[in-house]
Amino acid sequence: MRGLILGWVILCAGVLVVGTGECRGGPLYQLQRLADLPDQAEVHALGINRLGEVAGYVVGSDGVGHAVAWKNDRARLLTELTAAEPFSRAFRINDAGQIVGNSRTASGAVHATLWDAEGGVRDLGTLTGEGDSFAADINELGVVAGSSQGAIGQNAFTWSAATGFVDYGNTDPPHRLAVAGFNGINNRGLMVGTSYFLLSPFHAAFAREGDRHVTELSPPGRNSLGMALAVNDEGTIVGYQNGDVGGPQGAIFRENGDFELLGTLGLEESLAQDVNSSGAIVGRAYSLVPGGGLITKAFVYLDGAMHDLLELSENSENWTLIEAAAINDGGAIVGRGFFDGKPTAFVAIPIPEPGGWTLGVICAAAGALYLRYGRRSVGGWVIA
C-alpha cells in the first residue's frame, strides 16, 4: 500500500506544473501515421490547419510529385491542371480547407495553384502571363503568397480573389538576375521569404501589405546565408541563418535585422519550418556523413529549447523522423519519416495534460495518505 502511495507522491512532486496545480510529465506527443497511397516512394506532409486537415504531396516510383490532402484518416489526390503530363505539389492549408501549391499546365509551365475545400482547382497563372510561379502559403483571409516570373527577374507576390496579383518585385531597382519570393504570410499583412541574386546565397526577407518592396533580414554580404520560411500572427519570423562560424541554423528573425540561432541538436545544421501562435517552432536538424549519407532529426522548439521530437513521443519504436514541417495552433505537428523502414507521413498529436482538478485531488490524497502511513527515504530517481 505504502509503495503504491509513494509512487503517486513521486509522480506528483516531480512533474507538478508550477502555478497550475496540474501534474505533468513523460512523453508530450503520440505519433500517428497518415494514410498511405499506392506507389508511394516518397511523401511530404507540409501543412496542417486547426481541424487537423493536412496538405502535402507524394512522389511515385516514376519520380513525379502529386498533391495530396489528408482528412479523416484518408488520403486524397488533388485534381491537377492537366492530365496529359500530371505534376503537382501542395504546401499549406488554411482553416477553410483552401490549399496552395503548384501544378503543371497543359503548356508545360508550372503555375501557382489553389484548391478549394470542395476539390475544385484554380490556375492562378503568373504576374506576366508567361513563365512559372508557385504559391507557398495562404492565410485565413484567403490571401496567397508566393513567387512568379516578373517583367524583370523573379518577383514575390500576393494574390486574392478580390485583388488578383499584387507584385512586390525583387530588388530595388529590379534586376533580371534577382529572385524574390514569399514562403509565409500571416493574417496581419506580413509576408516573409527570400531575396537574392542568382549564383549568390539566399537572404531572408520580408514585406508588409501595401508597401510594395522586399526588405532583407539577413546580414549583408556574400557569406551570409538565410531564408525566412514562416511567420505567425504575433510577427515571429522563423527560418534559417548562418552565424559567424558553422553552417546555417534554425533562426528567429526580427524586423530590425537581429536574429537568434536555435541550435542543431548536436548535428551540423538545422532549419525552422513553421511557428504557431504560441511560439512553438518545428523543423529539422541534419548532418552529412561520409559517403553522401544524411543524419536527420525532426525537432520542436519549446520554451527556449530545441528537442528531438522522437524523444518526446510515447510510441517512438519503429519510427525514424526526417522533419517536422508544420504545426497548428493546437500544437499538432506534421512531417515525414519512416515507419518500419517504409516512407510515411506522420502527425504528432499532443498528449493532453491530465485534468487539473481530477489529478490535483489524486495528488493531494496521495500526499495525505503518505503522511498518515509514514515517510521513508527515497533517492536516486530523476524525472526528465
Protein backbone atom coordinates (compact mmCIF):
# COMPACT_ATOMS: atom_id res chain seq x y z
CA MET A 1 0.00 0.00 0.00
CA ARG A 2 2.70 2.43 1.05
CA GLY A 3 4.73 1.66 -2.11
CA LEU A 4 1.77 2.50 -4.35
CA ILE A 5 1.09 5.71 -2.48
CA LEU A 6 4.77 6.63 -2.63
CA GLY A 7 4.71 6.20 -6.41
CA TRP A 8 1.92 8.76 -6.68
CA VAL A 9 3.79 11.16 -4.39
CA ILE A 10 6.93 10.94 -6.54
CA LEU A 11 4.91 11.45 -9.72
CA CYS A 12 3.10 14.48 -8.34
CA ALA A 13 6.19 16.05 -6.77
CA GLY A 14 8.39 15.53 -9.81
CA VAL A 15 6.09 16.77 -12.55
CA LEU A 16 3.95 19.40 -10.90
CA VAL A 17 3.47 22.33 -13.25
CA VAL A 18 4.06 25.40 -11.12
CA GLY A 19 1.14 27.77 -10.89
CA THR A 20 -1.43 25.42 -12.47
CA GLY A 21 -1.91 22.75 -9.86
CA GLU A 22 -1.64 20.13 -12.61
CA CYS A 23 0.61 17.08 -12.75
CA ARG A 24 2.60 16.83 -15.96
CA GLY A 25 5.43 14.60 -17.16
CA GLY A 26 6.52 11.89 -19.55
CA PRO A 27 6.00 11.98 -23.32
CA LEU A 28 4.39 15.02 -24.88
CA TYR A 29 3.27 13.52 -28.22
CA GLN A 30 1.79 10.43 -29.78
CA LEU A 31 2.87 9.65 -33.34
CA GLN A 32 0.21 8.62 -35.84
CA ARG A 33 0.72 7.56 -39.44
CA LEU A 34 -1.12 9.40 -42.15
CA ALA A 35 -2.82 7.23 -44.74
CA ASP A 36 -0.55 5.87 -47.46
CA LEU A 37 -1.21 6.00 -51.19
CA PRO A 38 -0.28 3.34 -53.77
CA ASP A 39 3.20 3.60 -55.29
CA GLN A 40 4.34 5.97 -52.52
CA ALA A 41 8.11 6.16 -52.89
CA GLU A 42 8.33 9.47 -51.03
CA VAL A 43 5.82 11.51 -49.06
CA HIS A 44 5.78 15.09 -47.75
CA ALA A 45 3.22 16.40 -45.24
CA LEU A 46 3.77 20.16 -45.24
CA GLY A 47 0.72 21.95 -43.82
CA ILE A 48 -1.91 21.38 -41.12
CA ASN A 49 -4.88 23.53 -40.14
CA ARG A 50 -6.77 23.84 -36.86
CA LEU A 51 -9.09 20.99 -37.85
CA GLY A 52 -6.19 18.61 -38.35
CA GLU A 53 -6.55 18.56 -42.14
CA VAL A 54 -3.19 18.10 -43.82
CA ALA A 55 -1.74 19.07 -47.20
CA GLY A 56 1.38 17.85 -48.96
CA TYR A 57 2.42 15.62 -51.82
CA VAL A 58 3.65 12.16 -52.69
CA VAL A 59 6.31 11.13 -55.18
CA GLY A 60 5.77 7.90 -57.09
CA SER A 61 8.32 5.44 -58.35
CA ASP A 62 8.46 7.50 -61.57
CA GLY A 63 9.79 10.49 -59.62
CA VAL A 64 6.72 12.66 -60.27
CA GLY A 65 5.01 14.54 -57.44
CA HIS A 66 1.25 14.69 -56.87
CA ALA A 67 -0.57 16.97 -54.41
CA VAL A 68 -2.43 15.23 -51.59
CA ALA A 69 -4.93 16.19 -48.90
CA TRP A 70 -5.37 14.08 -45.76
CA LYS A 71 -8.67 14.25 -43.89
CA ASN A 72 -10.48 11.86 -41.56
CA ASP A 73 -7.75 9.21 -41.84
CA ARG A 74 -7.96 9.21 -45.64
CA ALA A 75 -5.61 10.46 -48.32
CA ARG A 76 -6.96 12.08 -51.50
CA LEU A 77 -5.05 13.05 -54.62
CA LEU A 78 -5.90 16.60 -55.65
CA THR A 79 -7.04 17.49 -59.15
CA GLU A 80 -4.17 18.66 -61.35
CA LEU A 81 -4.20 21.35 -64.02
CA THR A 82 -3.62 18.86 -66.82
CA ALA A 83 -3.96 15.11 -67.14
CA ALA A 84 -1.65 14.97 -70.14
CA GLU A 85 1.56 15.35 -68.13
CA PRO A 86 0.42 15.47 -64.49
CA PHE A 87 2.53 17.04 -61.77
CA SER A 88 1.59 18.98 -58.63
CA ARG A 89 2.68 19.78 -55.08
CA ALA A 90 0.66 21.16 -52.17
CA PHE A 91 2.40 23.19 -49.46
CA ARG A 92 -0.07 24.75 -47.00
CA ILE A 93 -3.73 24.64 -45.99
CA ASN A 94 -5.88 27.19 -44.12
CA ASP A 95 -8.79 26.61 -41.76
CA ALA A 96 -11.31 26.94 -44.61
CA GLY A 97 -9.67 23.96 -46.31
CA GLN A 98 -8.08 26.02 -49.09
CA ILE A 99 -4.79 24.51 -50.24
CA VAL A 100 -1.99 26.14 -52.20
CA GLY A 101 0.94 24.80 -54.19
CA ASN A 102 1.76 24.44 -57.86
CA SER A 103 0.81 22.24 -60.80
CA ARG A 104 1.90 21.72 -64.39
CA THR A 105 -0.32 23.25 -67.05
CA ALA A 106 -1.18 21.93 -70.50
CA SER A 107 1.51 24.20 -71.95
CA GLY A 108 4.17 22.60 -69.78
CA ALA A 109 4.61 25.60 -67.47
CA VAL A 110 4.21 25.16 -63.71
CA HIS A 111 1.80 27.62 -62.12
CA ALA A 112 0.72 28.66 -58.65
CA THR A 113 -2.39 26.65 -57.85
CA LEU A 114 -5.30 26.99 -55.43
CA TRP A 115 -7.53 24.09 -54.42
CA ASP A 116 -10.78 24.79 -52.58
CA ALA A 117 -12.34 22.68 -49.85
CA GLU A 118 -14.71 21.01 -52.34
CA GLY A 119 -11.84 19.80 -54.51
CA GLY A 120 -12.01 22.48 -57.17
CA VAL A 121 -8.71 23.62 -58.69
CA ARG A 122 -7.73 27.09 -59.92
CA ASP A 123 -4.72 28.08 -62.01
CA LEU A 124 -3.51 31.38 -60.56
CA GLY A 125 -1.20 31.98 -63.50
CA THR A 126 1.81 34.30 -63.32
CA LEU A 127 2.46 38.01 -62.94
CA THR A 128 3.18 38.44 -66.65
CA GLY A 129 1.19 35.61 -68.18
CA GLU A 130 4.46 33.86 -69.01
CA GLY A 131 6.88 31.54 -67.22
CA ASP A 132 6.41 29.70 -63.94
CA SER A 133 5.10 30.51 -60.48
CA PHE A 134 4.34 28.82 -57.16
CA ALA A 135 2.09 29.50 -54.19
CA ALA A 136 3.75 28.74 -50.86
CA ASP A 137 1.20 29.81 -48.23
CA ILE A 138 -2.35 31.05 -47.70
CA ASN A 139 -3.77 32.89 -44.70
CA GLU A 140 -7.22 32.76 -43.14
CA LEU A 141 -8.37 35.67 -45.32
CA GLY A 142 -7.66 33.67 -48.46
CA VAL A 143 -4.59 35.73 -49.41
CA VAL A 144 -1.99 33.62 -51.21
CA ALA A 145 1.76 34.30 -51.09
CA GLY A 146 4.42 33.01 -53.47
CA SER A 147 6.80 33.79 -56.30
CA SER A 148 6.42 34.31 -60.04
CA GLN A 149 8.34 35.28 -63.10
CA GLY A 150 8.07 39.04 -63.33
CA ALA A 151 8.74 41.59 -66.02
CA ILE A 152 12.33 41.80 -64.73
CA GLY A 153 13.58 38.81 -62.79
CA GLN A 154 11.58 36.61 -60.37
CA ASN A 155 9.22 38.50 -58.08
CA ALA A 156 7.42 37.99 -54.79
CA PHE A 157 3.65 38.28 -54.95
CA THR A 158 0.38 38.01 -53.10
CA TRP A 159 -2.92 37.07 -54.70
CA SER A 160 -6.53 37.12 -53.60
CA ALA A 161 -9.84 36.69 -55.33
CA ALA A 162 -10.61 40.34 -54.63
CA THR A 163 -7.35 41.93 -55.77
CA GLY A 164 -5.75 39.42 -58.10
CA PHE A 165 -1.94 39.61 -58.17
CA VAL A 166 -0.04 42.21 -56.15
CA ASP A 167 3.58 42.43 -57.31
CA TYR A 168 6.22 43.08 -54.61
CA GLY A 169 9.16 42.97 -57.02
CA ASN A 170 12.63 41.70 -56.17
CA THR A 171 15.47 44.19 -55.66
CA ASP A 172 15.36 47.98 -55.78
CA PRO A 173 15.83 48.70 -58.62
CA PRO A 174 14.66 45.44 -60.20
CA HIS A 175 17.30 43.24 -61.77
CA ARG A 176 16.94 40.44 -64.32
CA LEU A 177 19.16 38.17 -62.17
CA ALA A 178 17.29 38.94 -58.94
CA VAL A 179 14.92 36.46 -57.29
CA ALA A 180 12.37 37.15 -54.56
CA GLY A 181 9.54 35.09 -53.17
CA PHE A 182 7.29 34.70 -50.16
CA ASN A 183 7.22 31.44 -48.20
CA GLY A 184 4.83 32.54 -45.45
CA ILE A 185 2.06 35.03 -44.74
CA ASN A 186 0.17 35.83 -41.55
CA ASN A 187 -3.27 37.38 -41.03
CA ARG A 188 -1.88 40.85 -40.33
CA GLY A 189 -0.29 41.65 -43.66
CA LEU A 190 3.25 40.41 -43.01
CA MET A 191 4.91 38.24 -45.67
CA VAL A 192 8.28 36.53 -45.29
CA GLY A 193 10.58 34.73 -47.68
CA THR A 194 13.79 35.38 -49.58
CA SER A 195 15.60 37.82 -51.85
CA TYR A 196 18.88 37.13 -53.63
CA PHE A 197 20.77 37.22 -56.90
CA LEU A 198 21.30 34.11 -58.99
CA LEU A 199 24.56 32.33 -58.08
CA SER A 200 24.58 34.18 -54.73
CA PRO A 201 23.43 32.94 -51.30
CA PHE A 202 19.80 33.18 -50.27
CA HIS A 203 18.92 36.05 -47.92
CA ALA A 204 15.90 36.11 -45.63
CA ALA A 205 13.46 38.91 -46.42
CA PHE A 206 10.04 40.32 -45.55
CA ALA A 207 7.41 42.75 -46.79
CA ARG A 208 4.26 44.35 -45.45
CA GLU A 209 0.92 44.67 -47.18
CA GLY A 210 0.69 47.96 -49.02
CA ASP A 211 4.46 48.55 -49.04
CA ARG A 212 5.41 47.04 -52.37
CA HIS A 213 9.03 46.20 -51.88
CA VAL A 214 11.01 43.43 -50.20
CA THR A 215 13.36 44.18 -47.29
CA GLU A 216 16.22 41.85 -46.43
CA LEU A 217 16.50 40.39 -42.93
CA SER A 218 19.81 38.55 -43.31
CA PRO A 219 23.06 40.41 -42.69
CA PRO A 220 24.55 41.80 -45.90
CA GLY A 221 27.40 40.12 -47.71
CA ARG A 222 28.17 37.08 -49.84
CA ASN A 223 28.96 34.96 -46.78
CA SER A 224 25.51 35.48 -45.30
CA LEU A 225 23.05 32.65 -45.97
CA GLY A 226 19.46 32.72 -44.75
CA MET A 227 15.80 32.33 -45.58
CA ALA A 228 12.52 33.09 -43.81
CA LEU A 229 10.06 30.19 -44.05
CA ALA A 230 7.08 31.05 -41.83
CA VAL A 231 5.53 33.75 -39.65
CA ASN A 232 2.77 33.74 -37.01
CA ASP A 233 0.24 36.47 -36.21
CA GLU A 234 2.45 37.78 -33.41
CA GLY A 235 5.09 38.56 -36.04
CA THR A 236 7.55 35.81 -35.06
CA ILE A 237 9.54 35.04 -38.21
CA VAL A 238 11.39 31.73 -38.46
CA GLY A 239 13.68 30.12 -40.99
CA TYR A 240 17.44 29.63 -41.09
CA GLN A 241 20.57 31.76 -40.99
CA ASN A 242 24.29 31.15 -40.65
CA GLY A 243 26.32 32.84 -37.94
CA ASP A 244 29.95 33.79 -37.64
CA VAL A 245 31.05 30.15 -37.79
CA GLY A 246 29.50 26.91 -39.00
CA GLY A 247 26.55 26.23 -41.25
CA PRO A 248 23.02 27.60 -41.12
CA GLN A 249 20.81 27.01 -38.10
CA GLY A 250 17.13 27.38 -37.42
CA ALA A 251 16.58 31.02 -36.57
CA ILE A 252 14.12 33.58 -35.28
CA PHE A 253 14.35 36.84 -37.23
CA ARG A 254 13.40 40.33 -36.12
CA GLU A 255 12.49 43.12 -38.50
CA ASN A 256 15.39 45.28 -37.24
CA GLY A 257 17.84 42.73 -38.67
CA ASP A 258 18.62 40.90 -35.42
CA PHE A 259 18.29 37.13 -35.35
CA GLU A 260 18.54 34.34 -32.79
CA LEU A 261 20.03 30.95 -33.66
CA LEU A 262 18.14 27.98 -32.21
CA GLY A 263 20.75 25.20 -32.24
CA THR A 264 21.22 21.92 -34.11
CA LEU A 265 20.57 19.03 -31.65
CA GLY A 266 24.28 18.29 -31.83
CA LEU A 267 24.25 17.95 -35.62
CA GLU A 268 25.79 20.31 -38.18
CA GLU A 269 22.84 22.35 -39.43
CA SER A 270 19.13 22.96 -38.89
CA LEU A 271 16.21 24.91 -40.29
CA ALA A 272 12.97 26.11 -38.71
CA GLN A 273 9.99 25.46 -40.96
CA ASP A 274 6.94 26.70 -39.06
CA VAL A 275 5.78 28.52 -35.92
CA ASN A 276 2.34 28.57 -34.30
CA SER A 277 0.50 31.26 -32.33
CA SER A 278 2.06 30.08 -29.06
CA GLY A 279 5.57 30.44 -30.45
CA ALA A 280 6.25 26.69 -30.75
CA ILE A 281 8.65 26.11 -33.65
CA VAL A 282 9.24 22.96 -35.70
CA GLY A 283 11.80 21.92 -38.26
CA ARG A 284 14.70 19.58 -38.82
CA ALA A 285 18.38 19.22 -37.90
CA TYR A 286 20.83 17.29 -40.05
CA SER A 287 24.45 16.33 -40.75
CA LEU A 288 26.19 14.93 -43.80
CA VAL A 289 28.07 11.70 -43.23
CA PRO A 290 30.96 10.19 -45.22
CA GLY A 291 29.78 8.53 -48.42
CA GLY A 292 26.98 11.02 -49.04
CA GLY A 293 24.53 9.89 -46.36
CA LEU A 294 22.46 12.17 -44.16
CA ILE A 295 21.58 12.05 -40.48
CA THR A 296 18.39 14.00 -39.88
CA LYS A 297 16.07 14.63 -36.93
CA ALA A 298 12.71 16.34 -36.55
CA PHE A 299 12.67 18.95 -33.81
CA VAL A 300 10.22 21.01 -31.81
CA TYR A 301 11.43 24.18 -30.09
CA LEU A 302 9.55 24.85 -26.86
CA ASP A 303 10.20 27.36 -24.07
CA GLY A 304 13.60 28.35 -25.40
CA ALA A 305 14.98 24.86 -26.03
CA MET A 306 15.22 22.57 -29.06
CA HIS A 307 14.01 19.00 -28.55
CA ASP A 308 14.23 15.85 -30.65
CA LEU A 309 10.57 15.18 -31.46
CA LEU A 310 11.11 11.43 -31.47
CA GLU A 311 12.41 11.54 -27.90
CA LEU A 312 9.25 13.37 -26.79
CA SER A 313 6.95 10.76 -28.37
CA GLU A 314 5.48 7.92 -26.35
CA ASN A 315 5.38 5.43 -29.24
CA SER A 316 8.78 6.07 -30.85
CA GLU A 317 9.52 2.40 -31.57
CA ASN A 318 10.00 1.60 -35.28
CA TRP A 319 9.94 5.29 -36.19
CA THR A 320 12.61 7.43 -37.83
CA LEU A 321 11.60 11.08 -38.23
CA ILE A 322 13.13 13.17 -41.02
CA GLU A 323 11.46 16.52 -40.48
CA ALA A 324 8.69 18.33 -38.69
CA ALA A 325 7.28 20.63 -41.37
CA ALA A 326 4.28 22.36 -39.82
CA ILE A 327 2.48 22.93 -36.51
CA ASN A 328 -1.05 24.17 -35.95
CA ASP A 329 -2.32 26.35 -33.11
CA GLY A 330 -3.44 23.26 -31.21
CA GLY A 331 0.16 22.01 -31.18
CA ALA A 332 -0.32 19.14 -33.66
CA ILE A 333 2.79 18.62 -35.81
CA VAL A 334 3.06 17.05 -39.26
CA GLY A 335 6.11 15.84 -41.11
CA ARG A 336 7.68 12.84 -42.72
CA GLY A 337 9.80 9.90 -41.78
CA PHE A 338 9.95 6.13 -41.90
CA PHE A 339 7.90 3.53 -40.08
CA ASP A 340 9.28 0.01 -40.15
CA GLY A 341 11.62 1.24 -42.88
CA LYS A 342 8.82 2.48 -45.15
CA PRO A 343 8.39 6.16 -46.08
CA THR A 344 5.35 7.66 -44.40
CA ALA A 345 3.89 10.96 -43.30
CA PHE A 346 3.04 11.47 -39.65
CA VAL A 347 1.09 13.68 -37.31
CA ALA A 348 2.36 14.11 -33.75
CA ILE A 349 -0.65 14.65 -31.52
CA PRO A 350 -0.06 16.45 -28.20
CA ILE A 351 -0.92 14.22 -25.25
CA PRO A 352 -3.46 16.18 -23.18
CA GLU A 353 -2.36 17.23 -19.76
CA PRO A 354 -4.30 15.40 -17.05
CA GLY A 355 -7.24 17.41 -15.76
CA GLY A 356 -6.02 19.80 -13.11
CA TRP A 357 -8.93 19.24 -10.69
CA THR A 358 -9.06 15.44 -11.01
CA LEU A 359 -5.37 14.78 -10.82
CA GLY A 360 -4.91 17.51 -8.25
CA VAL A 361 -7.29 15.68 -5.94
CA ILE A 362 -5.35 12.43 -6.51
CA CYS A 363 -2.06 14.16 -5.75
CA ALA A 364 -3.44 15.77 -2.60
CA ALA A 365 -4.97 12.50 -1.44
CA ALA A 366 -1.76 10.60 -2.11
CA GLY A 367 0.21 13.15 -0.12
CA ALA A 368 -2.18 12.96 2.80
CA LEU A 369 -2.12 9.17 2.84
CA TYR A 370 1.65 9.16 2.64
CA LEU A 371 1.88 11.45 5.63
CA ARG A 372 -0.51 9.20 7.51
CA TYR A 373 1.28 5.95 6.73
CA GLY A 374 4.76 7.39 7.33
CA ARG A 375 7.78 8.63 5.39
CA ARG A 376 10.84 6.84 4.17
CA SER A 377 13.92 7.98 2.31
CA VAL A 378 13.77 8.00 -1.48
CA GLY A 379 16.88 8.64 -3.55
CA GLY A 380 18.33 8.20 -6.96
CA TRP A 381 15.25 8.98 -9.08
CA VAL A 382 15.18 11.52 -11.84
CA ILE A 383 12.19 12.77 -13.83
CA ALA A 384 13.26 14.19 -17.17
